[in-house]
Amino acid sequence: MNRTFDRSSLGAFLRARRAALQPEDVGLRRGQRRRAPGLRREEVAELCGMSADYFARLERGDGPQPSEHMVAAIARGLRLTPDERDHVFLLAGYRTAHRDLRAQHVSPGLMRVMDGLTGTTAQVMGPLGETLLQTPSAVALLGDQTQYAGNARYAPYRWFTDPVERERYDPEDHGENSRINVALLRSAVTRNGPGSPAADLADLLQRTSAEFAELWQRHEVGLRWSDTKRFIHPQLGRLDLYCQLLLEPDQGQSLLVFTATPGTESHEKLALLTVLGTDQFAFDTE
C-alpha cells in the first residue's frame, strides 16, 4: 500500500460512475420499471464479480479496503477508461495498478463490443496471449482460459510447457502453431526490448522447453495465424472455424470472433456450443 485509502472519495466516485453507466452500455435492456438513472447496485456488482452488499458498502464509504485485483475488477465492471482506472486505484490506496493489472484492463470500446457478443464465440486477448475475457461459448470451445495465474496466463508458455494446451487443436497443426508462437514472441521482444515481459518470457521458455529453444534459433519472423483454425472439442470432436480479429492498437489487445460456414457440421456444433455454453460440458483441467 502506497497511499491512504480514501473511503469517502472512492464511494462518491463509484456512485457517480454507476449513475453515468446506462444499461445499453453493458448490453442490458432498459426495462419499463427502471426509474433511477444509471445501473442498479446489483447489476454493477454482478459485472464486477462481487456481492451487492460488498459493493454497497464501498459506495457508502464504510467497506474494507479492496485488494488490487478487486479494484481491477471494479474498473473493468464499470467500463472505466485508463485514466479513470488509475484514479480509482489511487482512491483505493494504491499508487497505481501493477503492470500486469494495467495490461489486463480491457478498453471500454472492446467491452462494449463484447457486451453485444454474448451469443457469439469470442474472446479478448492481451499482447502476449493472455485471455482477458471470454463469452460462454468460447469457454465451452476452449475451456476457461482466464483462470490462469503467473506465467501460465501467457498462451505461448502453456503451449510449450503444458501438453493439455495442445489437445484442443488438430495435431496436424501443432508444428505450425509452435513456429507461429515463437515468431510472434520474437517480434514482441524486438518491439518491447530487453527487460520487457516478452523478453522475460522468451528467456524462460529457452530454459524450460527444448522445442522452443530450437525454434528460437531459427530467427523466424513475419509468421501469422491463419484465418481458419481446426479445433478438437472433447465432446463434439473437430470444428473447422474462421477467426476474425479486431485489434485495439493503444493497448495491444485483440478481439477474436469464431464463426463457421453455414450449413456445415462445424456450424451446427458451434451453434450447440453457443446455445448450451458451459452448462452441458465438463472440462478435465487436471
C-alpha atoms as a PDB file:
ATOM      1  CA  MET A   1       0.000   0.000   0.000  1.00  0.00           C
ATOM      2  CA  ASN A   2       1.479   3.338  -1.041  1.00  0.00           C
ATOM      3  CA  ARG A   3      -1.253   5.849  -0.249  1.00  0.00           C
ATOM      4  CA  THR A   4      -4.116   6.453   2.140  1.00  0.00           C
ATOM      5  CA  PHE A   5      -7.336   4.625   1.370  1.00  0.00           C
ATOM      6  CA  ASP A   6      -9.870   7.423   0.764  1.00  0.00           C
ATOM      7  CA  ARG A   7     -13.161   5.649   1.524  1.00  0.00           C
ATOM      8  CA  SER A   8     -15.348   8.724   1.122  1.00  0.00           C
ATOM      9  CA  SER A   9     -13.950   9.788  -2.256  1.00  0.00           C
ATOM     10  CA  LEU A  10     -13.943   6.220  -3.558  1.00  0.00           C
ATOM     11  CA  GLY A  11     -17.597   5.827  -2.606  1.00  0.00           C
ATOM     12  CA  ALA A  12     -18.539   9.096  -4.289  1.00  0.00           C
ATOM     13  CA  PHE A  13     -16.633   8.131  -7.435  1.00  0.00           C
ATOM     14  CA  LEU A  14     -18.301   4.722  -7.617  1.00  0.00           C
ATOM     15  CA  ARG A  15     -21.759   6.253  -7.184  1.00  0.00           C
ATOM     16  CA  ALA A  16     -21.078   8.799  -9.924  1.00  0.00           C
ATOM     17  CA  ARG A  17     -19.769   6.212 -12.363  1.00  0.00           C
ATOM     18  CA  ARG A  18     -22.679   3.856 -11.664  1.00  0.00           C
ATOM     19  CA  ALA A  19     -25.167   6.675 -12.283  1.00  0.00           C
ATOM     20  CA  ALA A  20     -23.453   7.570 -15.565  1.00  0.00           C
ATOM     21  CA  LEU A  21     -23.398   3.995 -16.842  1.00  0.00           C
ATOM     22  CA  GLN A  22     -26.520   3.150 -18.826  1.00  0.00           C
ATOM     23  CA  PRO A  23     -27.963  -0.353 -19.339  1.00  0.00           C
ATOM     24  CA  GLU A  24     -27.193  -0.156 -23.049  1.00  0.00           C
ATOM     25  CA  ASP A  25     -23.508   0.444 -22.212  1.00  0.00           C
ATOM     26  CA  VAL A  26     -23.190  -3.043 -20.755  1.00  0.00           C
ATOM     27  CA  GLY A  27     -25.539  -4.952 -23.039  1.00  0.00           C
ATOM     28  CA  LEU A  28     -28.610  -4.824 -20.756  1.00  0.00           C
ATOM     29  CA  ARG A  29     -32.151  -3.946 -21.758  1.00  0.00           C
ATOM     30  CA  ARG A  30     -33.767  -0.858 -20.301  1.00  0.00           C
ATOM     31  CA  GLY A  31     -36.886  -2.171 -18.568  1.00  0.00           C
ATOM     32  CA  GLN A  32     -40.037  -0.112 -18.202  1.00  0.00           C
ATOM     33  CA  ARG A  33     -39.758  -0.104 -14.419  1.00  0.00           C
ATOM     34  CA  ARG A  34     -36.313   1.497 -14.391  1.00  0.00           C
ATOM     35  CA  ARG A  35     -36.753   4.966 -12.878  1.00  0.00           C
ATOM     36  CA  ALA A  36     -33.398   5.943 -11.406  1.00  0.00           C
ATOM     37  CA  PRO A  37     -30.607   6.963 -13.807  1.00  0.00           C
ATOM     38  CA  GLY A  38     -27.740   4.571 -14.372  1.00  0.00           C
ATOM     39  CA  LEU A  39     -27.378   0.987 -13.270  1.00  0.00           C
ATOM     40  CA  ARG A  40     -28.580  -0.680 -10.091  1.00  0.00           C
ATOM     41  CA  ARG A  41     -26.022  -1.692  -7.483  1.00  0.00           C
ATOM     42  CA  GLU A  42     -26.881  -5.338  -8.047  1.00  0.00           C
ATOM     43  CA  GLU A  43     -26.138  -5.018 -11.763  1.00  0.00           C
ATOM     44  CA  VAL A  44     -22.774  -3.367 -11.207  1.00  0.00           C
ATOM     45  CA  ALA A  45     -21.851  -5.877  -8.514  1.00  0.00           C
ATOM     46  CA  GLU A  46     -22.513  -8.722 -10.939  1.00  0.00           C
ATOM     47  CA  LEU A  47     -20.416  -7.020 -13.623  1.00  0.00           C
ATOM     48  CA  CYS A  48     -17.578  -6.681 -11.096  1.00  0.00           C
ATOM     49  CA  GLY A  49     -17.876 -10.241  -9.822  1.00  0.00           C
ATOM     50  CA  MET A  50     -18.648  -9.302  -6.220  1.00  0.00           C
ATOM     51  CA  SER A  51     -21.612  -9.346  -3.873  1.00  0.00           C
ATOM     52  CA  ALA A  52     -24.113  -6.489  -3.985  1.00  0.00           C
ATOM     53  CA  ASP A  53     -23.627  -5.963  -0.245  1.00  0.00           C
ATOM     54  CA  TYR A  54     -19.873  -5.533  -0.651  1.00  0.00           C
ATOM     55  CA  PHE A  55     -20.295  -3.028  -3.471  1.00  0.00           C
ATOM     56  CA  ALA A  56     -22.933  -1.132  -1.480  1.00  0.00           C
ATOM     57  CA  ARG A  57     -20.514  -0.825   1.447  1.00  0.00           C
ATOM     58  CA  LEU A  58     -17.833   0.560  -0.856  1.00  0.00           C
ATOM     59  CA  GLU A  59     -20.310   3.112  -2.203  1.00  0.00           C
ATOM     60  CA  ARG A  60     -21.348   4.127   1.327  1.00  0.00           C
ATOM     61  CA  GLY A  61     -17.724   4.539   2.342  1.00  0.00           C
ATOM     62  CA  ASP A  62     -17.791   2.022   5.190  1.00  0.00           C
ATOM     63  CA  GLY A  63     -16.339  -1.019   3.433  1.00  0.00           C
ATOM     64  CA  PRO A  64     -12.872  -2.565   3.834  1.00  0.00           C
ATOM     65  CA  GLN A  65     -10.051  -1.627   1.529  1.00  0.00           C
ATOM     66  CA  PRO A  66     -10.454  -3.668  -1.671  1.00  0.00           C
ATOM     67  CA  SER A  67      -7.476  -5.641  -2.938  1.00  0.00           C
ATOM     68  CA  GLU A  68      -5.730  -4.521  -6.106  1.00  0.00           C
ATOM     69  CA  HIS A  69      -7.332  -7.374  -8.031  1.00  0.00           C
ATOM     70  CA  MET A  70     -10.745  -6.300  -6.719  1.00  0.00           C
ATOM     71  CA  VAL A  71     -10.089  -2.712  -7.822  1.00  0.00           C
ATOM     72  CA  ALA A  72      -9.138  -4.047 -11.258  1.00  0.00           C
ATOM     73  CA  ALA A  73     -12.444  -5.930 -11.362  1.00  0.00           C
ATOM     74  CA  ILE A  74     -14.299  -2.733 -10.430  1.00  0.00           C
ATOM     75  CA  ALA A  75     -12.516  -0.831 -13.194  1.00  0.00           C
ATOM     76  CA  ARG A  76     -13.490  -3.494 -15.696  1.00  0.00           C
ATOM     77  CA  GLY A  77     -17.087  -3.787 -14.476  1.00  0.00           C
ATOM     78  CA  LEU A  78     -17.657  -0.020 -14.563  1.00  0.00           C
ATOM     79  CA  ARG A  79     -16.086   0.205 -18.051  1.00  0.00           C
ATOM     80  CA  LEU A  80     -13.529   2.753 -16.846  1.00  0.00           C
ATOM     81  CA  THR A  81     -11.094   4.430 -19.201  1.00  0.00           C
ATOM     82  CA  PRO A  82      -7.350   4.034 -18.453  1.00  0.00           C
ATOM     83  CA  ASP A  83      -7.296   7.446 -16.702  1.00  0.00           C
ATOM     84  CA  GLU A  84     -10.360   6.545 -14.631  1.00  0.00           C
ATOM     85  CA  ARG A  85      -8.805   3.181 -13.796  1.00  0.00           C
ATOM     86  CA  ASP A  86      -5.650   4.849 -12.456  1.00  0.00           C
ATOM     87  CA  HIS A  87      -7.808   7.305 -10.490  1.00  0.00           C
ATOM     88  CA  VAL A  88      -9.772   4.555  -8.760  1.00  0.00           C
ATOM     89  CA  PHE A  89      -6.539   2.775  -7.818  1.00  0.00           C
ATOM     90  CA  LEU A  90      -5.287   5.962  -6.182  1.00  0.00           C
ATOM     91  CA  LEU A  91      -8.543   6.404  -4.257  1.00  0.00           C
ATOM     92  CA  ALA A  92      -8.320   2.801  -3.074  1.00  0.00           C
ATOM     93  CA  GLY A  93      -4.883   3.467  -1.599  1.00  0.00           C
ATOM     94  CA  TYR A  94      -2.573   2.179  -4.316  1.00  0.00           C
ATOM     95  CA  ARG A  95      -0.094   4.329  -6.188  1.00  0.00           C
ATOM     96  CA  THR A  96      -1.144   2.801  -9.474  1.00  0.00           C
ATOM     97  CA  ALA A  97      -2.110  -0.518 -10.938  1.00  0.00           C
ATOM     98  CA  HIS A  98       0.710  -3.023 -11.230  1.00  0.00           C
ATOM     99  CA  ARG A  99       1.993  -3.512 -14.747  1.00  0.00           C
ATOM    100  CA  ASP A 100       0.218  -6.839 -15.159  1.00  0.00           C
ATOM    101  CA  LEU A 101      -3.090  -5.390 -13.942  1.00  0.00           C
ATOM    102  CA  ARG A 102      -2.816  -2.475 -16.374  1.00  0.00           C
ATOM    103  CA  ALA A 103      -2.214  -4.923 -19.210  1.00  0.00           C
ATOM    104  CA  GLN A 104      -5.323  -6.875 -18.201  1.00  0.00           C
ATOM    105  CA  HIS A 105      -7.598  -3.832 -18.271  1.00  0.00           C
ATOM    106  CA  VAL A 106      -9.895  -4.212 -21.268  1.00  0.00           C
ATOM    107  CA  SER A 107     -10.688  -0.961 -23.046  1.00  0.00           C
ATOM    108  CA  PRO A 108     -14.273   0.349 -22.790  1.00  0.00           C
ATOM    109  CA  GLY A 109     -14.596   0.032 -26.562  1.00  0.00           C
ATOM    110  CA  LEU A 110     -13.782  -3.665 -26.548  1.00  0.00           C
ATOM    111  CA  MET A 111     -16.021  -4.163 -23.512  1.00  0.00           C
ATOM    112  CA  ARG A 112     -18.952  -2.634 -25.418  1.00  0.00           C
ATOM    113  CA  VAL A 113     -18.278  -4.912 -28.366  1.00  0.00           C
ATOM    114  CA  MET A 114     -18.116  -7.952 -26.071  1.00  0.00           C
ATOM    115  CA  ASP A 115     -21.387  -6.926 -24.414  1.00  0.00           C
ATOM    116  CA  GLY A 116     -23.055  -7.320 -27.799  1.00  0.00           C
ATOM    117  CA  LEU A 117     -21.452 -10.704 -28.481  1.00  0.00           C
ATOM    118  CA  THR A 118     -22.892 -12.743 -25.628  1.00  0.00           C
ATOM    119  CA  GLY A 119     -24.382 -15.213 -28.114  1.00  0.00           C
ATOM    120  CA  THR A 120     -21.156 -15.430 -30.135  1.00  0.00           C
ATOM    121  CA  THR A 121     -17.943 -17.374 -29.640  1.00  0.00           C
ATOM    122  CA  ALA A 122     -15.447 -14.607 -28.893  1.00  0.00           C
ATOM    123  CA  GLN A 123     -12.659 -13.622 -26.537  1.00  0.00           C
ATOM    124  CA  VAL A 124     -10.314 -10.711 -25.809  1.00  0.00           C
ATOM    125  CA  MET A 125      -6.582 -11.409 -25.804  1.00  0.00           C
ATOM    126  CA  GLY A 126      -3.697  -9.432 -24.337  1.00  0.00           C
ATOM    127  CA  PRO A 127      -0.447  -8.664 -26.204  1.00  0.00           C
ATOM    128  CA  LEU A 128       1.297 -11.874 -25.044  1.00  0.00           C
ATOM    129  CA  GLY A 129      -1.662 -14.200 -25.483  1.00  0.00           C
ATOM    130  CA  GLU A 130      -3.352 -13.565 -22.151  1.00  0.00           C
ATOM    131  CA  THR A 131      -7.056 -14.372 -22.354  1.00  0.00           C
ATOM    132  CA  LEU A 132      -8.792 -11.451 -20.624  1.00  0.00           C
ATOM    133  CA  LEU A 133     -12.473 -12.109 -21.401  1.00  0.00           C
ATOM    134  CA  GLN A 134     -14.463 -14.970 -22.917  1.00  0.00           C
ATOM    135  CA  THR A 135     -18.070 -15.430 -23.893  1.00  0.00           C
ATOM    136  CA  PRO A 136     -19.698 -18.591 -22.500  1.00  0.00           C
ATOM    137  CA  SER A 137     -19.432 -20.418 -25.819  1.00  0.00           C
ATOM    138  CA  ALA A 138     -15.715 -19.521 -26.065  1.00  0.00           C
ATOM    139  CA  VAL A 139     -15.267 -21.171 -22.666  1.00  0.00           C
ATOM    140  CA  ALA A 140     -17.176 -24.169 -23.989  1.00  0.00           C
ATOM    141  CA  LEU A 141     -14.905 -24.328 -27.038  1.00  0.00           C
ATOM    142  CA  LEU A 142     -11.515 -23.720 -25.428  1.00  0.00           C
ATOM    143  CA  GLY A 143     -12.022 -24.067 -21.686  1.00  0.00           C
ATOM    144  CA  ASP A 144     -11.746 -21.234 -19.160  1.00  0.00           C
ATOM    145  CA  GLN A 145      -8.518 -19.530 -20.164  1.00  0.00           C
ATOM    146  CA  THR A 146      -8.988 -16.591 -17.778  1.00  0.00           C
ATOM    147  CA  GLN A 147      -8.322 -18.746 -14.704  1.00  0.00           C
ATOM    148  CA  TYR A 148      -4.544 -18.921 -15.076  1.00  0.00           C
ATOM    149  CA  ALA A 149      -2.048 -17.021 -12.944  1.00  0.00           C
ATOM    150  CA  GLY A 150       1.653 -16.281 -13.265  1.00  0.00           C
ATOM    151  CA  ASN A 151       3.414 -17.346 -16.451  1.00  0.00           C
ATOM    152  CA  ALA A 152       0.563 -19.727 -17.271  1.00  0.00           C
ATOM    153  CA  ARG A 153      -1.507 -16.661 -18.265  1.00  0.00           C
ATOM    154  CA  TYR A 154       0.537 -16.481 -21.458  1.00  0.00           C
ATOM    155  CA  ALA A 155      -0.605 -18.773 -24.259  1.00  0.00           C
ATOM    156  CA  PRO A 156       2.963 -19.390 -25.568  1.00  0.00           C
ATOM    157  CA  TYR A 157       4.060 -20.548 -22.110  1.00  0.00           C
ATOM    158  CA  ARG A 158       1.209 -23.029 -21.857  1.00  0.00           C
ATOM    159  CA  TRP A 159       1.765 -24.205 -25.434  1.00  0.00           C
ATOM    160  CA  PHE A 160       5.379 -25.182 -24.763  1.00  0.00           C
ATOM    161  CA  THR A 161       5.078 -26.395 -21.156  1.00  0.00           C
ATOM    162  CA  ASP A 162       1.625 -27.976 -20.791  1.00  0.00           C
ATOM    163  CA  PRO A 163       0.634 -30.799 -23.168  1.00  0.00           C
ATOM    164  CA  VAL A 164      -3.034 -30.275 -22.265  1.00  0.00           C
ATOM    165  CA  GLU A 165      -2.930 -26.911 -24.051  1.00  0.00           C
ATOM    166  CA  ARG A 166      -2.483 -28.647 -27.408  1.00  0.00           C
ATOM    167  CA  GLU A 167      -5.390 -31.063 -27.028  1.00  0.00           C
ATOM    168  CA  ARG A 168      -7.908 -28.514 -28.346  1.00  0.00           C
ATOM    169  CA  TYR A 169      -6.055 -28.157 -31.672  1.00  0.00           C
ATOM    170  CA  ASP A 170      -5.725 -30.529 -34.622  1.00  0.00           C
ATOM    171  CA  PRO A 171      -2.440 -32.487 -34.211  1.00  0.00           C
ATOM    172  CA  GLU A 172      -1.521 -31.741 -37.841  1.00  0.00           C
ATOM    173  CA  ASP A 173      -1.345 -28.032 -36.918  1.00  0.00           C
ATOM    174  CA  HIS A 174       0.870 -28.363 -33.822  1.00  0.00           C
ATOM    175  CA  GLY A 175       4.164 -27.843 -35.623  1.00  0.00           C
ATOM    176  CA  GLU A 176       2.968 -24.738 -37.448  1.00  0.00           C
ATOM    177  CA  ASN A 177       1.374 -23.372 -34.276  1.00  0.00           C
ATOM    178  CA  SER A 178       4.701 -23.732 -32.463  1.00  0.00           C
ATOM    179  CA  ARG A 179       6.548 -21.797 -35.180  1.00  0.00           C
ATOM    180  CA  ILE A 180       3.945 -19.018 -35.141  1.00  0.00           C
ATOM    181  CA  ASN A 181       4.046 -18.727 -31.344  1.00  0.00           C
ATOM    182  CA  VAL A 182       7.823 -18.324 -31.442  1.00  0.00           C
ATOM    183  CA  ALA A 183       7.798 -15.844 -34.338  1.00  0.00           C
ATOM    184  CA  LEU A 184       5.170 -13.641 -32.700  1.00  0.00           C
ATOM    185  CA  LEU A 185       7.028 -13.674 -29.394  1.00  0.00           C
ATOM    186  CA  ARG A 186      10.265 -12.744 -31.162  1.00  0.00           C
ATOM    187  CA  SER A 187       8.516  -9.755 -32.745  1.00  0.00           C
ATOM    188  CA  ALA A 188       7.212  -8.712 -29.313  1.00  0.00           C
ATOM    189  CA  VAL A 189      10.720  -8.939 -27.837  1.00  0.00           C
ATOM    190  CA  THR A 190      12.143  -6.804 -30.652  1.00  0.00           C
ATOM    191  CA  ARG A 191       9.337  -4.279 -30.271  1.00  0.00           C
ATOM    192  CA  ASN A 192       9.439  -4.001 -26.466  1.00  0.00           C
ATOM    193  CA  GLY A 193      13.135  -4.555 -25.818  1.00  0.00           C
ATOM    194  CA  PRO A 194      15.227  -6.223 -23.097  1.00  0.00           C
ATOM    195  CA  GLY A 195      13.646  -6.435 -19.655  1.00  0.00           C
ATOM    196  CA  SER A 196      10.112  -6.414 -21.087  1.00  0.00           C
ATOM    197  CA  PRO A 197       7.589  -9.124 -20.167  1.00  0.00           C
ATOM    198  CA  ALA A 198       8.041 -10.524 -23.677  1.00  0.00           C
ATOM    199  CA  ALA A 199      11.823 -10.772 -23.222  1.00  0.00           C
ATOM    200  CA  ASP A 200      11.435 -12.379 -19.805  1.00  0.00           C
ATOM    201  CA  LEU A 201       9.004 -14.928 -21.255  1.00  0.00           C
ATOM    202  CA  ALA A 202      11.363 -15.764 -24.130  1.00  0.00           C
ATOM    203  CA  ASP A 203      14.286 -16.232 -21.738  1.00  0.00           C
ATOM    204  CA  LEU A 204      12.202 -18.505 -19.520  1.00  0.00           C
ATOM    205  CA  LEU A 205      10.986 -20.648 -22.408  1.00  0.00           C
ATOM    206  CA  GLN A 206      14.506 -21.071 -23.774  1.00  0.00           C
ATOM    207  CA  ARG A 207      15.472 -22.578 -20.425  1.00  0.00           C
ATOM    208  CA  THR A 208      12.391 -24.768 -19.973  1.00  0.00           C
ATOM    209  CA  SER A 209      11.431 -26.004 -23.463  1.00  0.00           C
ATOM    210  CA  ALA A 210      13.845 -27.710 -25.845  1.00  0.00           C
ATOM    211  CA  GLU A 211      11.342 -27.299 -28.677  1.00  0.00           C
ATOM    212  CA  PHE A 212      11.085 -23.557 -28.081  1.00  0.00           C
ATOM    213  CA  ALA A 213      14.870 -23.181 -27.801  1.00  0.00           C
ATOM    214  CA  GLU A 214      15.382 -24.968 -31.139  1.00  0.00           C
ATOM    215  CA  LEU A 215      12.754 -22.844 -32.898  1.00  0.00           C
ATOM    216  CA  TRP A 216      14.101 -19.653 -31.324  1.00  0.00           C
ATOM    217  CA  GLN A 217      17.467 -20.256 -33.010  1.00  0.00           C
ATOM    218  CA  ARG A 218      15.774 -20.139 -36.429  1.00  0.00           C
ATOM    219  CA  HIS A 219      15.064 -16.396 -36.020  1.00  0.00           C
ATOM    220  CA  GLU A 220      11.807 -16.677 -37.958  1.00  0.00           C
ATOM    221  CA  VAL A 221       9.657 -13.550 -38.143  1.00  0.00           C
ATOM    222  CA  GLY A 222       6.564 -12.489 -40.062  1.00  0.00           C
ATOM    223  CA  LEU A 223       4.530 -15.628 -39.414  1.00  0.00           C
ATOM    224  CA  ARG A 224       0.832 -15.028 -38.740  1.00  0.00           C
ATOM    225  CA  TRP A 225      -2.103 -17.080 -37.541  1.00  0.00           C
ATOM    226  CA  SER A 226      -4.312 -18.422 -40.310  1.00  0.00           C
ATOM    227  CA  ASP A 227      -7.878 -17.140 -40.635  1.00  0.00           C
ATOM    228  CA  THR A 228      -9.026 -20.761 -40.399  1.00  0.00           C
ATOM    229  CA  LYS A 229      -8.480 -22.921 -37.322  1.00  0.00           C
ATOM    230  CA  ARG A 230      -9.127 -26.593 -36.665  1.00  0.00           C
ATOM    231  CA  PHE A 231     -10.205 -27.359 -33.105  1.00  0.00           C
ATOM    232  CA  ILE A 232     -10.753 -30.678 -31.364  1.00  0.00           C
ATOM    233  CA  HIS A 233     -13.528 -30.436 -28.785  1.00  0.00           C
ATOM    234  CA  PRO A 234     -13.547 -33.170 -26.102  1.00  0.00           C
ATOM    235  CA  GLN A 235     -17.252 -33.902 -26.603  1.00  0.00           C
ATOM    236  CA  LEU A 236     -18.112 -32.647 -30.095  1.00  0.00           C
ATOM    237  CA  GLY A 237     -14.967 -33.560 -31.993  1.00  0.00           C
ATOM    238  CA  ARG A 238     -13.471 -31.482 -34.774  1.00  0.00           C
ATOM    239  CA  LEU A 239     -14.657 -27.969 -35.636  1.00  0.00           C
ATOM    240  CA  ASP A 240     -13.317 -26.008 -38.627  1.00  0.00           C
ATOM    241  CA  LEU A 241     -13.754 -22.332 -37.767  1.00  0.00           C
ATOM    242  CA  TYR A 242     -12.926 -18.914 -39.144  1.00  0.00           C
ATOM    243  CA  CYS A 243     -11.249 -16.444 -36.796  1.00  0.00           C
ATOM    244  CA  GLN A 244     -11.873 -12.726 -37.326  1.00  0.00           C
ATOM    245  CA  LEU A 245      -9.576 -10.367 -35.434  1.00  0.00           C
ATOM    246  CA  LEU A 246     -10.208  -6.803 -34.237  1.00  0.00           C
ATOM    247  CA  LEU A 247      -7.117  -5.030 -32.900  1.00  0.00           C
ATOM    248  CA  GLU A 248      -7.079  -2.373 -30.176  1.00  0.00           C
ATOM    249  CA  PRO A 249      -3.749  -0.690 -31.021  1.00  0.00           C
ATOM    250  CA  ASP A 250      -3.475   1.539 -27.944  1.00  0.00           C
ATOM    251  CA  GLN A 251      -3.302  -1.415 -25.550  1.00  0.00           C
ATOM    252  CA  GLY A 252      -2.157  -4.165 -27.885  1.00  0.00           C
ATOM    253  CA  GLN A 253      -5.311  -6.157 -27.212  1.00  0.00           C
ATOM    254  CA  SER A 254      -7.289  -8.081 -29.791  1.00  0.00           C
ATOM    255  CA  LEU A 255     -10.813  -9.414 -30.096  1.00  0.00           C
ATOM    256  CA  LEU A 256     -11.163 -12.853 -31.661  1.00  0.00           C
ATOM    257  CA  VAL A 257     -14.533 -13.919 -33.078  1.00  0.00           C
ATOM    258  CA  PHE A 258     -15.002 -17.525 -34.205  1.00  0.00           C
ATOM    259  CA  THR A 259     -17.548 -18.395 -36.887  1.00  0.00           C
ATOM    260  CA  ALA A 260     -18.311 -21.349 -39.163  1.00  0.00           C
ATOM    261  CA  THR A 261     -19.660 -21.753 -42.682  1.00  0.00           C
ATOM    262  CA  PRO A 262     -23.478 -22.050 -42.548  1.00  0.00           C
ATOM    263  CA  GLY A 263     -24.796 -25.492 -43.359  1.00  0.00           C
ATOM    264  CA  THR A 264     -21.635 -27.315 -42.314  1.00  0.00           C
ATOM    265  CA  GLU A 265     -21.240 -29.750 -39.456  1.00  0.00           C
ATOM    266  CA  SER A 266     -18.921 -27.270 -37.749  1.00  0.00           C
ATOM    267  CA  HIS A 267     -21.641 -24.622 -37.918  1.00  0.00           C
ATOM    268  CA  GLU A 268     -24.079 -26.968 -36.192  1.00  0.00           C
ATOM    269  CA  LYS A 269     -21.542 -27.803 -33.482  1.00  0.00           C
ATOM    270  CA  LEU A 270     -20.682 -24.141 -32.920  1.00  0.00           C
ATOM    271  CA  ALA A 271     -24.387 -23.326 -32.621  1.00  0.00           C
ATOM    272  CA  LEU A 272     -24.683 -26.042 -29.995  1.00  0.00           C
ATOM    273  CA  LEU A 273     -21.823 -24.511 -28.013  1.00  0.00           C
ATOM    274  CA  THR A 274     -23.461 -21.093 -28.293  1.00  0.00           C
ATOM    275  CA  VAL A 275     -26.811 -22.352 -27.003  1.00  0.00           C
ATOM    276  CA  LEU A 276     -25.510 -24.541 -24.213  1.00  0.00           C
ATOM    277  CA  GLY A 277     -22.446 -22.553 -23.188  1.00  0.00           C
ATOM    278  CA  THR A 278     -20.543 -24.359 -20.449  1.00  0.00           C
ATOM    279  CA  ASP A 279     -23.639 -25.832 -18.758  1.00  0.00           C
ATOM    280  CA  GLN A 280     -23.538 -29.189 -20.528  1.00  0.00           C
ATOM    281  CA  PHE A 281     -19.780 -29.582 -20.906  1.00  0.00           C
ATOM    282  CA  ALA A 282     -17.326 -30.694 -18.252  1.00  0.00           C
ATOM    283  CA  PHE A 283     -13.663 -29.994 -18.833  1.00  0.00           C
ATOM    284  CA  ASP A 284     -10.832 -32.006 -17.362  1.00  0.00           C
ATOM    285  CA  THR A 285      -8.321 -29.482 -16.049  1.00  0.00           C
ATOM    286  CA  GLU A 286      -6.087 -31.980 -14.263  1.00  0.00           C
END
